[in-house]
Amino acid sequence: MIKKSLTFAAFAATALGSPPSCSTNSPLSCSNTTNVPGTCCFESGGQVLQTQFWDTNPASGPADSWTIHGLWPDFCDGTFPQYCDESRQYTNISCILESYGKTDLLSYMNTYWKDYEGQDQTFWEHEWGKHGTCYSTLRPSCYTDYTPQEEVADFFQQTVDLFKGLNTYEFLKNASIVPSTAKNYTNAEIMAALRAPRGVNATIECSDGQLDQVYYTFHVRGSIDGGTFVAAEPVGEGNGCPNSIQYLPKDLSSAYPTNNTEVCNSTNTTSSRSYGYGKRRVEHPMYIYE
C-alpha cells in the first residue's frame, strides 16, 4: 500500500471543535422540494444506509450478532459517491479514536465491526475513506474550531450508535428465523421480519443463496453528527436473494485471527485508494465534492 505522511495534532487530550448547530426545522434529506443553501445542515447525498454483515465461513463477530459493514451515503436515486477526499484517506483509525478518548467505542468496534479476514484496521480505513469522506455534513469546513480528524470520530460513533438500535439477529429471531443448517426460509418471511420493527423495508443480499447482508435506509434531518435519522424505504437497492434462502450458523472455528496492532504517535498517514473491501457492492466512479 502506498503511504504518505501528514503531520497532525499530537495524541494527547485532543480538544473537540463544534459540529454545526442545525435547526430542528432543517429539511429532511431526499424530501426537499427546493434547493437547500449550504450542506452543513443538509446531507447532500440524501439516503444513508447502515449496512451489516452475516459472515459464516470464515466467520466474524459473535455467534448471535450481525456485524457492522458501514454507514454509506447514497444519493436519493440510489447511486452513490465514493472516495470524495484524497487528502483524508487516513490509515490510523484506532489512533484517531484513542486521541479523542473514544476507547469504549474502539472496544465495541473490536467486537462488532469485523473484517472477515481479520484485517479490522484496514477495513475501518476503507469504510472511512470510501464512504465517510463523502458526507457533506462532516466536511472540516462545517466545524467551528475544527481539530484535524474529529469528523472521523463522529463518523464511527454515529455508525455504531445506529447499529446498536438495529439488532438484526433479534429482528429475525422474533419471527422464529434463526440460523440453521436444516431448513431454509422464504424471502418474504425474512423481509417481513425486518420490516416489522421499523415499518419500512430493509434490503437483503445473499451469496450463493445464503443470507449475508442487510441494509437499513434512513433520511437525515440536520448533520450526520447529532442529526435525526428517520427510517425510509430504500431507493435503488434491489433484493439480491432467491425465494428460498439459507441462514446458516457461524462456524466460529473458521474465524481468522484479528490483526489490530497499531502504533500511535504524532504522525498520521494517508493512503492511496484500495478496492479490496466492501464485498459484493458494485464500484462506481469516484465523486468529488466541489
C-alpha atoms as a PDB file:
ATOM      1  CA  MET A   1       0.000   0.000   0.000  1.00  0.00           C
ATOM      2  CA  ILE A   2       1.413   3.411  -0.956  1.00  0.00           C
ATOM      3  CA  LYS A   3       1.550   5.755   2.008  1.00  0.00           C
ATOM      4  CA  LYS A   4       2.450   9.376   2.560  1.00  0.00           C
ATOM      5  CA  SER A   5       2.976  11.199   5.827  1.00  0.00           C
ATOM      6  CA  LEU A   6       0.838  14.040   7.129  1.00  0.00           C
ATOM      7  CA  THR A   7       1.554  15.729  10.439  1.00  0.00           C
ATOM      8  CA  PHE A   8      -1.490  16.202  12.672  1.00  0.00           C
ATOM      9  CA  ALA A   9      -2.381  17.148  16.230  1.00  0.00           C
ATOM     10  CA  ALA A  10      -0.460  15.156  18.829  1.00  0.00           C
ATOM     11  CA  PHE A  11      -2.202  12.266  20.549  1.00  0.00           C
ATOM     12  CA  ALA A  12      -2.835  13.908  23.900  1.00  0.00           C
ATOM     13  CA  ALA A  13      -6.208  15.106  25.196  1.00  0.00           C
ATOM     14  CA  THR A  14      -7.284  16.281  21.765  1.00  0.00           C
ATOM     15  CA  ALA A  15      -9.868  19.055  22.084  1.00  0.00           C
ATOM     16  CA  LEU A  16     -13.032  18.868  20.046  1.00  0.00           C
ATOM     17  CA  GLY A  17     -14.363  21.654  17.909  1.00  0.00           C
ATOM     18  CA  SER A  18     -18.079  22.054  17.400  1.00  0.00           C
ATOM     19  CA  PRO A  19     -20.140  20.437  14.655  1.00  0.00           C
ATOM     20  CA  PRO A  20     -22.768  22.639  13.006  1.00  0.00           C
ATOM     21  CA  SER A  21     -25.738  23.630  15.147  1.00  0.00           C
ATOM     22  CA  CYS A  22     -28.706  22.714  12.983  1.00  0.00           C
ATOM     23  CA  SER A  23     -32.306  23.794  13.424  1.00  0.00           C
ATOM     24  CA  THR A  24     -34.860  21.147  14.276  1.00  0.00           C
ATOM     25  CA  ASN A  25     -36.730  22.563  11.279  1.00  0.00           C
ATOM     26  CA  SER A  26     -33.913  21.667   8.892  1.00  0.00           C
ATOM     27  CA  PRO A  27     -35.273  19.898   5.814  1.00  0.00           C
ATOM     28  CA  LEU A  28     -35.220  16.116   5.775  1.00  0.00           C
ATOM     29  CA  SER A  29     -32.836  14.750   3.174  1.00  0.00           C
ATOM     30  CA  CYS A  30     -34.479  13.469  -0.029  1.00  0.00           C
ATOM     31  CA  SER A  31     -37.659  15.345   0.968  1.00  0.00           C
ATOM     32  CA  ASN A  32     -36.930  18.928  -0.064  1.00  0.00           C
ATOM     33  CA  THR A  33     -38.782  20.465  -2.994  1.00  0.00           C
ATOM     34  CA  THR A  34     -36.419  23.413  -3.468  1.00  0.00           C
ATOM     35  CA  ASN A  35     -32.656  23.817  -3.371  1.00  0.00           C
ATOM     36  CA  VAL A  36     -31.198  23.977   0.137  1.00  0.00           C
ATOM     37  CA  PRO A  37     -28.487  26.629   0.600  1.00  0.00           C
ATOM     38  CA  GLY A  38     -25.390  25.130   2.155  1.00  0.00           C
ATOM     39  CA  THR A  39     -24.860  21.483   3.034  1.00  0.00           C
ATOM     40  CA  CYS A  40     -23.561  21.554   6.616  1.00  0.00           C
ATOM     41  CA  CYS A  41     -27.100  21.058   7.947  1.00  0.00           C
ATOM     42  CA  PHE A  42     -28.459  19.193   4.940  1.00  0.00           C
ATOM     43  CA  GLU A  43     -26.927  15.911   3.843  1.00  0.00           C
ATOM     44  CA  SER A  44     -26.467  16.324   0.101  1.00  0.00           C
ATOM     45  CA  GLY A  45     -26.267  12.579  -0.515  1.00  0.00           C
ATOM     46  CA  GLY A  46     -29.759  12.058   0.840  1.00  0.00           C
ATOM     47  CA  GLN A  47     -30.079   8.365   1.672  1.00  0.00           C
ATOM     48  CA  VAL A  48     -27.963   6.913   4.477  1.00  0.00           C
ATOM     49  CA  LEU A  49     -27.535   3.135   4.674  1.00  0.00           C
ATOM     50  CA  GLN A  50     -26.467   1.356   7.839  1.00  0.00           C
ATOM     51  CA  THR A  51     -25.127  -1.905   6.437  1.00  0.00           C
ATOM     52  CA  GLN A  52     -24.447  -5.188   8.240  1.00  0.00           C
ATOM     53  CA  PHE A  53     -22.707  -8.492   7.570  1.00  0.00           C
ATOM     54  CA  TRP A  54     -23.520 -12.071   8.499  1.00  0.00           C
ATOM     55  CA  ASP A  55     -20.219 -13.854   7.815  1.00  0.00           C
ATOM     56  CA  THR A  56     -20.337 -17.603   8.468  1.00  0.00           C
ATOM     57  CA  ASN A  57     -17.202 -19.167   6.955  1.00  0.00           C
ATOM     58  CA  PRO A  58     -14.834 -17.556   7.603  1.00  0.00           C
ATOM     59  CA  ALA A  59     -16.896 -16.244  10.488  1.00  0.00           C
ATOM     60  CA  SER A  60     -16.630 -12.841  12.119  1.00  0.00           C
ATOM     61  CA  GLY A  61     -18.106 -11.427  15.309  1.00  0.00           C
ATOM     62  CA  PRO A  62     -20.213 -13.182  17.969  1.00  0.00           C
ATOM     63  CA  ALA A  63     -22.338 -16.210  17.076  1.00  0.00           C
ATOM     64  CA  ASP A  64     -25.544 -14.368  17.971  1.00  0.00           C
ATOM     65  CA  SER A  65     -24.928 -10.993  16.366  1.00  0.00           C
ATOM     66  CA  TRP A  66     -24.582  -9.495  12.943  1.00  0.00           C
ATOM     67  CA  THR A  67     -21.580  -7.211  12.458  1.00  0.00           C
ATOM     68  CA  ILE A  68     -21.140  -3.712  11.096  1.00  0.00           C
ATOM     69  CA  HIS A  69     -20.284  -3.195   7.465  1.00  0.00           C
ATOM     70  CA  GLY A  70     -20.553   0.579   7.354  1.00  0.00           C
ATOM     71  CA  LEU A  71     -22.583   3.767   7.034  1.00  0.00           C
ATOM     72  CA  TRP A  72     -22.989   4.642   3.381  1.00  0.00           C
ATOM     73  CA  PRO A  73     -24.139   7.896   1.780  1.00  0.00           C
ATOM     74  CA  ASP A  74     -26.305   7.257  -1.262  1.00  0.00           C
ATOM     75  CA  PHE A  75     -27.951   9.791  -3.500  1.00  0.00           C
ATOM     76  CA  CYS A  76     -31.729   9.861  -3.460  1.00  0.00           C
ATOM     77  CA  ASP A  77     -31.889   7.792  -6.676  1.00  0.00           C
ATOM     78  CA  GLY A  78     -29.736   5.005  -5.233  1.00  0.00           C
ATOM     79  CA  THR A  79     -26.476   5.899  -6.962  1.00  0.00           C
ATOM     80  CA  PHE A  80     -23.631   6.809  -4.651  1.00  0.00           C
ATOM     81  CA  PRO A  81     -20.373   8.757  -4.338  1.00  0.00           C
ATOM     82  CA  GLN A  82     -17.109   7.289  -3.116  1.00  0.00           C
ATOM     83  CA  TYR A  83     -13.575   8.363  -2.161  1.00  0.00           C
ATOM     84  CA  CYS A  84     -14.558  12.036  -2.033  1.00  0.00           C
ATOM     85  CA  ASP A  85     -11.404  13.470  -0.444  1.00  0.00           C
ATOM     86  CA  GLU A  86      -7.978  12.047  -1.235  1.00  0.00           C
ATOM     87  CA  SER A  87      -6.390  14.212   1.486  1.00  0.00           C
ATOM     88  CA  ARG A  88      -8.388  12.427   4.209  1.00  0.00           C
ATOM     89  CA  GLN A  89      -7.664   8.770   3.361  1.00  0.00           C
ATOM     90  CA  TYR A  90      -6.438   8.057   6.891  1.00  0.00           C
ATOM     91  CA  THR A  91      -4.764   4.798   7.868  1.00  0.00           C
ATOM     92  CA  ASN A  92      -4.677   5.077  11.660  1.00  0.00           C
ATOM     93  CA  ILE A  93      -8.340   4.942  12.640  1.00  0.00           C
ATOM     94  CA  SER A  94      -7.851   3.394  16.079  1.00  0.00           C
ATOM     95  CA  CYS A  95      -5.222   6.001  16.943  1.00  0.00           C
ATOM     96  CA  ILE A  96      -7.576   8.803  15.904  1.00  0.00           C
ATOM     97  CA  LEU A  97     -10.341   7.353  18.068  1.00  0.00           C
ATOM     98  CA  GLU A  98      -7.987   6.983  21.030  1.00  0.00           C
ATOM     99  CA  SER A  99      -6.850  10.590  20.633  1.00  0.00           C
ATOM    100  CA  TYR A 100     -10.456  11.712  21.110  1.00  0.00           C
ATOM    101  CA  GLY A 101     -10.979   9.485  24.140  1.00  0.00           C
ATOM    102  CA  LYS A 102     -13.150   7.005  22.240  1.00  0.00           C
ATOM    103  CA  THR A 103     -11.787   3.910  23.979  1.00  0.00           C
ATOM    104  CA  ASP A 104     -15.236   2.466  24.665  1.00  0.00           C
ATOM    105  CA  LEU A 105     -16.164   2.964  21.020  1.00  0.00           C
ATOM    106  CA  LEU A 106     -12.968   1.272  19.884  1.00  0.00           C
ATOM    107  CA  SER A 107     -13.570  -1.661  22.220  1.00  0.00           C
ATOM    108  CA  TYR A 108     -17.053  -2.106  20.773  1.00  0.00           C
ATOM    109  CA  MET A 109     -15.704  -1.966  17.223  1.00  0.00           C
ATOM    110  CA  ASN A 110     -13.145  -4.646  18.065  1.00  0.00           C
ATOM    111  CA  THR A 111     -16.085  -6.981  18.733  1.00  0.00           C
ATOM    112  CA  TYR A 112     -18.775  -5.870  16.295  1.00  0.00           C
ATOM    113  CA  TRP A 113     -17.044  -4.115  13.367  1.00  0.00           C
ATOM    114  CA  LYS A 114     -15.098  -7.033  11.982  1.00  0.00           C
ATOM    115  CA  ASP A 115     -13.319  -7.848   8.759  1.00  0.00           C
ATOM    116  CA  TYR A 116     -13.941 -11.441   7.682  1.00  0.00           C
ATOM    117  CA  GLU A 117     -10.212 -11.946   7.116  1.00  0.00           C
ATOM    118  CA  GLY A 118      -9.175 -10.423  10.452  1.00  0.00           C
ATOM    119  CA  GLN A 119      -7.904  -7.136   8.991  1.00  0.00           C
ATOM    120  CA  ASP A 120     -10.175  -4.856  11.021  1.00  0.00           C
ATOM    121  CA  GLN A 121      -7.929  -1.796  10.870  1.00  0.00           C
ATOM    122  CA  THR A 122      -7.719  -1.897   7.099  1.00  0.00           C
ATOM    123  CA  PHE A 123     -11.464  -2.452   6.846  1.00  0.00           C
ATOM    124  CA  TRP A 124     -12.169   0.614   9.010  1.00  0.00           C
ATOM    125  CA  GLU A 125      -9.757   2.662   6.926  1.00  0.00           C
ATOM    126  CA  HIS A 126     -11.579   1.561   3.802  1.00  0.00           C
ATOM    127  CA  GLU A 127     -15.037   2.379   5.149  1.00  0.00           C
ATOM    128  CA  TRP A 128     -13.932   5.855   6.227  1.00  0.00           C
ATOM    129  CA  GLY A 129     -12.005   6.603   3.033  1.00  0.00           C
ATOM    130  CA  LYS A 130     -14.637   5.321   0.623  1.00  0.00           C
ATOM    131  CA  HIS A 131     -17.819   6.399   2.420  1.00  0.00           C
ATOM    132  CA  GLY A 132     -17.046   8.656   5.394  1.00  0.00           C
ATOM    133  CA  THR A 133     -15.283  11.285   3.292  1.00  0.00           C
ATOM    134  CA  CYS A 134     -18.440  11.712   1.188  1.00  0.00           C
ATOM    135  CA  TYR A 135     -20.736  13.130   3.878  1.00  0.00           C
ATOM    136  CA  SER A 136     -21.270  16.811   3.175  1.00  0.00           C
ATOM    137  CA  THR A 137     -22.208  17.496   6.812  1.00  0.00           C
ATOM    138  CA  LEU A 138     -18.906  16.048   8.055  1.00  0.00           C
ATOM    139  CA  ARG A 139     -16.635  18.238   5.960  1.00  0.00           C
ATOM    140  CA  PRO A 140     -13.997  20.001   8.082  1.00  0.00           C
ATOM    141  CA  SER A 141     -15.363  23.366   6.949  1.00  0.00           C
ATOM    142  CA  CYS A 142     -18.648  22.581   8.715  1.00  0.00           C
ATOM    143  CA  TYR A 143     -16.978  22.582  12.160  1.00  0.00           C
ATOM    144  CA  THR A 144     -16.280  25.562  14.393  1.00  0.00           C
ATOM    145  CA  ASP A 145     -12.714  25.495  15.773  1.00  0.00           C
ATOM    146  CA  TYR A 146     -12.082  22.329  13.778  1.00  0.00           C
ATOM    147  CA  THR A 147      -9.487  19.883  15.100  1.00  0.00           C
ATOM    148  CA  PRO A 148      -7.985  17.526  12.498  1.00  0.00           C
ATOM    149  CA  GLN A 149      -9.743  14.168  12.195  1.00  0.00           C
ATOM    150  CA  GLU A 150     -12.555  14.932  14.651  1.00  0.00           C
ATOM    151  CA  GLU A 151     -15.061  14.143  11.899  1.00  0.00           C
ATOM    152  CA  VAL A 152     -13.581  10.629  11.775  1.00  0.00           C
ATOM    153  CA  ALA A 153     -14.532  10.047  15.407  1.00  0.00           C
ATOM    154  CA  ASP A 154     -18.017  11.430  14.711  1.00  0.00           C
ATOM    155  CA  PHE A 155     -18.485   9.092  11.733  1.00  0.00           C
ATOM    156  CA  PHE A 156     -17.557   5.938  13.628  1.00  0.00           C
ATOM    157  CA  GLN A 157     -19.556   6.943  16.710  1.00  0.00           C
ATOM    158  CA  GLN A 158     -22.698   7.585  14.680  1.00  0.00           C
ATOM    159  CA  THR A 159     -22.323   4.317  12.774  1.00  0.00           C
ATOM    160  CA  VAL A 160     -22.059   2.321  15.993  1.00  0.00           C
ATOM    161  CA  ASP A 161     -24.939   4.206  17.626  1.00  0.00           C
ATOM    162  CA  LEU A 162     -27.226   3.353  14.703  1.00  0.00           C
ATOM    163  CA  PHE A 163     -26.064  -0.260  14.659  1.00  0.00           C
ATOM    164  CA  LYS A 164     -26.916  -0.691  18.342  1.00  0.00           C
ATOM    165  CA  GLY A 165     -30.534   0.112  17.532  1.00  0.00           C
ATOM    166  CA  LEU A 166     -30.700  -2.307  14.600  1.00  0.00           C
ATOM    167  CA  ASN A 167     -30.367  -5.779  16.122  1.00  0.00           C
ATOM    168  CA  THR A 168     -30.855  -7.886  13.007  1.00  0.00           C
ATOM    169  CA  TYR A 169     -30.334 -11.150  14.866  1.00  0.00           C
ATOM    170  CA  GLU A 170     -33.181 -10.325  17.267  1.00  0.00           C
ATOM    171  CA  PHE A 171     -35.419  -8.938  14.496  1.00  0.00           C
ATOM    172  CA  LEU A 172     -35.192 -12.282  12.734  1.00  0.00           C
ATOM    173  CA  LYS A 173     -35.356 -14.356  15.908  1.00  0.00           C
ATOM    174  CA  ASN A 174     -38.596 -12.607  16.896  1.00  0.00           C
ATOM    175  CA  ALA A 175     -40.096 -14.083  13.720  1.00  0.00           C
ATOM    176  CA  SER A 176     -38.684 -17.560  14.524  1.00  0.00           C
ATOM    177  CA  ILE A 177     -35.944 -17.115  11.938  1.00  0.00           C
ATOM    178  CA  VAL A 178     -32.723 -18.421  13.444  1.00  0.00           C
ATOM    179  CA  PRO A 179     -29.510 -19.741  11.879  1.00  0.00           C
ATOM    180  CA  SER A 180     -29.952 -23.333  10.755  1.00  0.00           C
ATOM    181  CA  THR A 181     -28.320 -25.942   8.561  1.00  0.00           C
ATOM    182  CA  ALA A 182     -31.549 -27.963   8.453  1.00  0.00           C
ATOM    183  CA  LYS A 183     -34.027 -25.531   6.922  1.00  0.00           C
ATOM    184  CA  ASN A 184     -34.402 -22.613   4.549  1.00  0.00           C
ATOM    185  CA  TYR A 185     -36.543 -19.507   4.970  1.00  0.00           C
ATOM    186  CA  THR A 186     -38.529 -17.693   2.328  1.00  0.00           C
ATOM    187  CA  ASN A 187     -37.511 -14.309   1.034  1.00  0.00           C
ATOM    188  CA  ALA A 188     -40.918 -12.970   2.074  1.00  0.00           C
ATOM    189  CA  GLU A 189     -40.529 -14.268   5.661  1.00  0.00           C
ATOM    190  CA  ILE A 190     -37.185 -12.544   6.085  1.00  0.00           C
ATOM    191  CA  MET A 191     -38.356  -9.288   4.521  1.00  0.00           C
ATOM    192  CA  ALA A 192     -41.437  -9.219   6.762  1.00  0.00           C
ATOM    193  CA  ALA A 193     -39.343  -9.858   9.890  1.00  0.00           C
ATOM    194  CA  LEU A 194     -37.022  -6.956   9.041  1.00  0.00           C
ATOM    195  CA  ARG A 195     -39.910  -4.641   8.172  1.00  0.00           C
ATOM    196  CA  ALA A 196     -41.813  -5.252  11.412  1.00  0.00           C
ATOM    197  CA  PRO A 197     -39.671  -3.201  13.859  1.00  0.00           C
ATOM    198  CA  ARG A 198     -39.244  -0.149  11.574  1.00  0.00           C
ATOM    199  CA  GLY A 199     -42.329  -0.045   9.369  1.00  0.00           C
ATOM    200  CA  VAL A 200     -40.254   0.181   6.181  1.00  0.00           C
ATOM    201  CA  ASN A 201     -38.396  -2.363   4.103  1.00  0.00           C
ATOM    202  CA  ALA A 202     -34.782  -3.307   4.560  1.00  0.00           C
ATOM    203  CA  THR A 203     -32.596  -4.543   1.718  1.00  0.00           C
ATOM    204  CA  ILE A 204     -31.183  -8.065   1.863  1.00  0.00           C
ATOM    205  CA  GLU A 205     -28.255  -9.552  -0.034  1.00  0.00           C
ATOM    206  CA  CYS A 206     -27.220 -13.164  -0.494  1.00  0.00           C
ATOM    207  CA  SER A 207     -24.180 -15.029  -1.747  1.00  0.00           C
ATOM    208  CA  ASP A 208     -24.832 -18.461  -3.272  1.00  0.00           C
ATOM    209  CA  GLY A 209     -28.318 -18.417  -1.780  1.00  0.00           C
ATOM    210  CA  GLN A 210     -27.040 -17.647   1.737  1.00  0.00           C
ATOM    211  CA  LEU A 211     -28.181 -14.526   3.580  1.00  0.00           C
ATOM    212  CA  ASP A 212     -25.133 -12.395   4.301  1.00  0.00           C
ATOM    213  CA  GLN A 213     -26.006  -8.675   4.239  1.00  0.00           C
ATOM    214  CA  VAL A 214     -28.754  -6.317   5.348  1.00  0.00           C
ATOM    215  CA  TYR A 215     -29.025  -2.602   4.543  1.00  0.00           C
ATOM    216  CA  TYR A 216     -31.215  -0.234   6.602  1.00  0.00           C
ATOM    217  CA  THR A 217     -32.095   3.044   4.882  1.00  0.00           C
ATOM    218  CA  PHE A 218     -32.556   6.420   6.581  1.00  0.00           C
ATOM    219  CA  HIS A 219     -33.152  10.025   5.661  1.00  0.00           C
ATOM    220  CA  VAL A 220     -31.480  12.603   7.889  1.00  0.00           C
ATOM    221  CA  ARG A 221     -32.596  15.921   9.333  1.00  0.00           C
ATOM    222  CA  GLY A 222     -29.538  18.028  10.084  1.00  0.00           C
ATOM    223  CA  SER A 223     -25.973  16.761  10.340  1.00  0.00           C
ATOM    224  CA  ILE A 224     -24.808  13.147  10.377  1.00  0.00           C
ATOM    225  CA  ASP A 225     -23.312  14.078  13.742  1.00  0.00           C
ATOM    226  CA  GLY A 226     -26.254  14.674  16.057  1.00  0.00           C
ATOM    227  CA  GLY A 227     -28.982  14.830  13.436  1.00  0.00           C
ATOM    228  CA  THR A 228     -32.285  12.965  13.409  1.00  0.00           C
ATOM    229  CA  PHE A 229     -32.361   9.703  11.465  1.00  0.00           C
ATOM    230  CA  VAL A 230     -35.749   8.773  10.005  1.00  0.00           C
ATOM    231  CA  ALA A 231     -36.348   5.242   8.727  1.00  0.00           C
ATOM    232  CA  ALA A 232     -37.052   5.302   4.988  1.00  0.00           C
ATOM    233  CA  GLU A 233     -37.905   2.985   2.133  1.00  0.00           C
ATOM    234  CA  PRO A 234     -34.778   2.090   0.134  1.00  0.00           C
ATOM    235  CA  VAL A 235     -34.488   3.531  -3.367  1.00  0.00           C
ATOM    236  CA  GLY A 236     -32.221   1.972  -5.967  1.00  0.00           C
ATOM    237  CA  GLU A 237     -31.373  -1.101  -3.905  1.00  0.00           C
ATOM    238  CA  GLY A 238     -32.521  -4.446  -5.288  1.00  0.00           C
ATOM    239  CA  ASN A 239     -33.353  -7.652  -3.462  1.00  0.00           C
ATOM    240  CA  GLY A 240     -30.300  -9.793  -4.081  1.00  0.00           C
ATOM    241  CA  CYS A 241     -31.682 -13.080  -2.749  1.00  0.00           C
ATOM    242  CA  PRO A 242     -33.638 -16.040  -4.156  1.00  0.00           C
ATOM    243  CA  ASN A 243     -37.091 -17.054  -2.953  1.00  0.00           C
ATOM    244  CA  SER A 244     -35.638 -19.781  -0.701  1.00  0.00           C
ATOM    245  CA  ILE A 245     -32.770 -18.574   1.487  1.00  0.00           C
ATOM    246  CA  GLN A 246     -30.238 -20.271   3.736  1.00  0.00           C
ATOM    247  CA  TYR A 247     -29.455 -18.508   7.016  1.00  0.00           C
ATOM    248  CA  LEU A 248     -26.515 -20.536   8.235  1.00  0.00           C
ATOM    249  CA  PRO A 249     -24.926 -20.548  11.702  1.00  0.00           C
ATOM    250  CA  LYS A 250     -21.483 -19.044  12.062  1.00  0.00           C
ATOM    251  CA  ASP A 251     -18.623 -21.521  12.169  1.00  0.00           C
ATOM    252  CA  LEU A 252     -16.536 -19.690  14.765  1.00  0.00           C
ATOM    253  CA  SER A 253     -13.695 -22.190  14.343  1.00  0.00           C
ATOM    254  CA  SER A 254     -13.201 -20.749  10.850  1.00  0.00           C
ATOM    255  CA  ALA A 255     -12.590 -17.184  12.066  1.00  0.00           C
ATOM    256  CA  TYR A 256      -9.301 -15.548  11.147  1.00  0.00           C
ATOM    257  CA  PRO A 257      -7.172 -14.199  14.000  1.00  0.00           C
ATOM    258  CA  THR A 258      -7.584 -10.450  14.292  1.00  0.00           C
ATOM    259  CA  ASN A 259      -4.675  -8.204  13.425  1.00  0.00           C
ATOM    260  CA  ASN A 260      -5.472  -4.924  15.203  1.00  0.00           C
ATOM    261  CA  THR A 261      -1.960  -3.889  16.222  1.00  0.00           C
ATOM    262  CA  GLU A 262      -1.318  -0.216  15.580  1.00  0.00           C
ATOM    263  CA  VAL A 263       1.373   2.077  16.980  1.00  0.00           C
ATOM    264  CA  CYS A 264       0.052   5.549  17.764  1.00  0.00           C
ATOM    265  CA  ASN A 265       2.307   8.583  17.512  1.00  0.00           C
ATOM    266  CA  SER A 266       2.125  12.166  16.300  1.00  0.00           C
ATOM    267  CA  THR A 267       2.441  11.255  12.628  1.00  0.00           C
ATOM    268  CA  ASN A 268      -0.694  10.388  10.710  1.00  0.00           C
ATOM    269  CA  THR A 269      -0.695   8.625   7.365  1.00  0.00           C
ATOM    270  CA  THR A 270      -2.938   8.683   4.367  1.00  0.00           C
ATOM    271  CA  SER A 271      -3.050   6.088   1.657  1.00  0.00           C
ATOM    272  CA  SER A 272      -3.975   5.620  -1.953  1.00  0.00           C
ATOM    273  CA  ARG A 273      -7.392   4.082  -2.613  1.00  0.00           C
ATOM    274  CA  SER A 274      -7.829   0.344  -2.124  1.00  0.00           C
ATOM    275  CA  TYR A 275     -10.686  -1.587  -3.674  1.00  0.00           C
ATOM    276  CA  GLY A 276     -10.382  -4.888  -1.826  1.00  0.00           C
ATOM    277  CA  TYR A 277     -13.104  -4.385   0.792  1.00  0.00           C
ATOM    278  CA  GLY A 278     -16.822  -3.682   0.830  1.00  0.00           C
ATOM    279  CA  LYS A 279     -17.750  -7.072  -0.627  1.00  0.00           C
ATOM    280  CA  ARG A 280     -20.485  -7.531  -3.219  1.00  0.00           C
ATOM    281  CA  ARG A 281     -21.105  -3.842  -3.875  1.00  0.00           C
ATOM    282  CA  VAL A 282     -20.554  -2.620  -7.429  1.00  0.00           C
ATOM    283  CA  GLU A 283     -17.933   0.097  -7.616  1.00  0.00           C
ATOM    284  CA  HIS A 284     -18.824   3.371  -9.297  1.00  0.00           C
ATOM    285  CA  PRO A 285     -16.545   6.218 -10.443  1.00  0.00           C
ATOM    286  CA  MET A 286     -15.108   8.443  -7.760  1.00  0.00           C
ATOM    287  CA  TYR A 287     -17.182  11.528  -6.919  1.00  0.00           C
ATOM    288  CA  ILE A 288     -15.506  14.675  -5.630  1.00  0.00           C
ATOM    289  CA  TYR A 289     -17.384  17.399  -3.762  1.00  0.00           C
ATOM    290  CA  GLU A 290     -16.522  20.842  -5.055  1.00  0.00           C
END
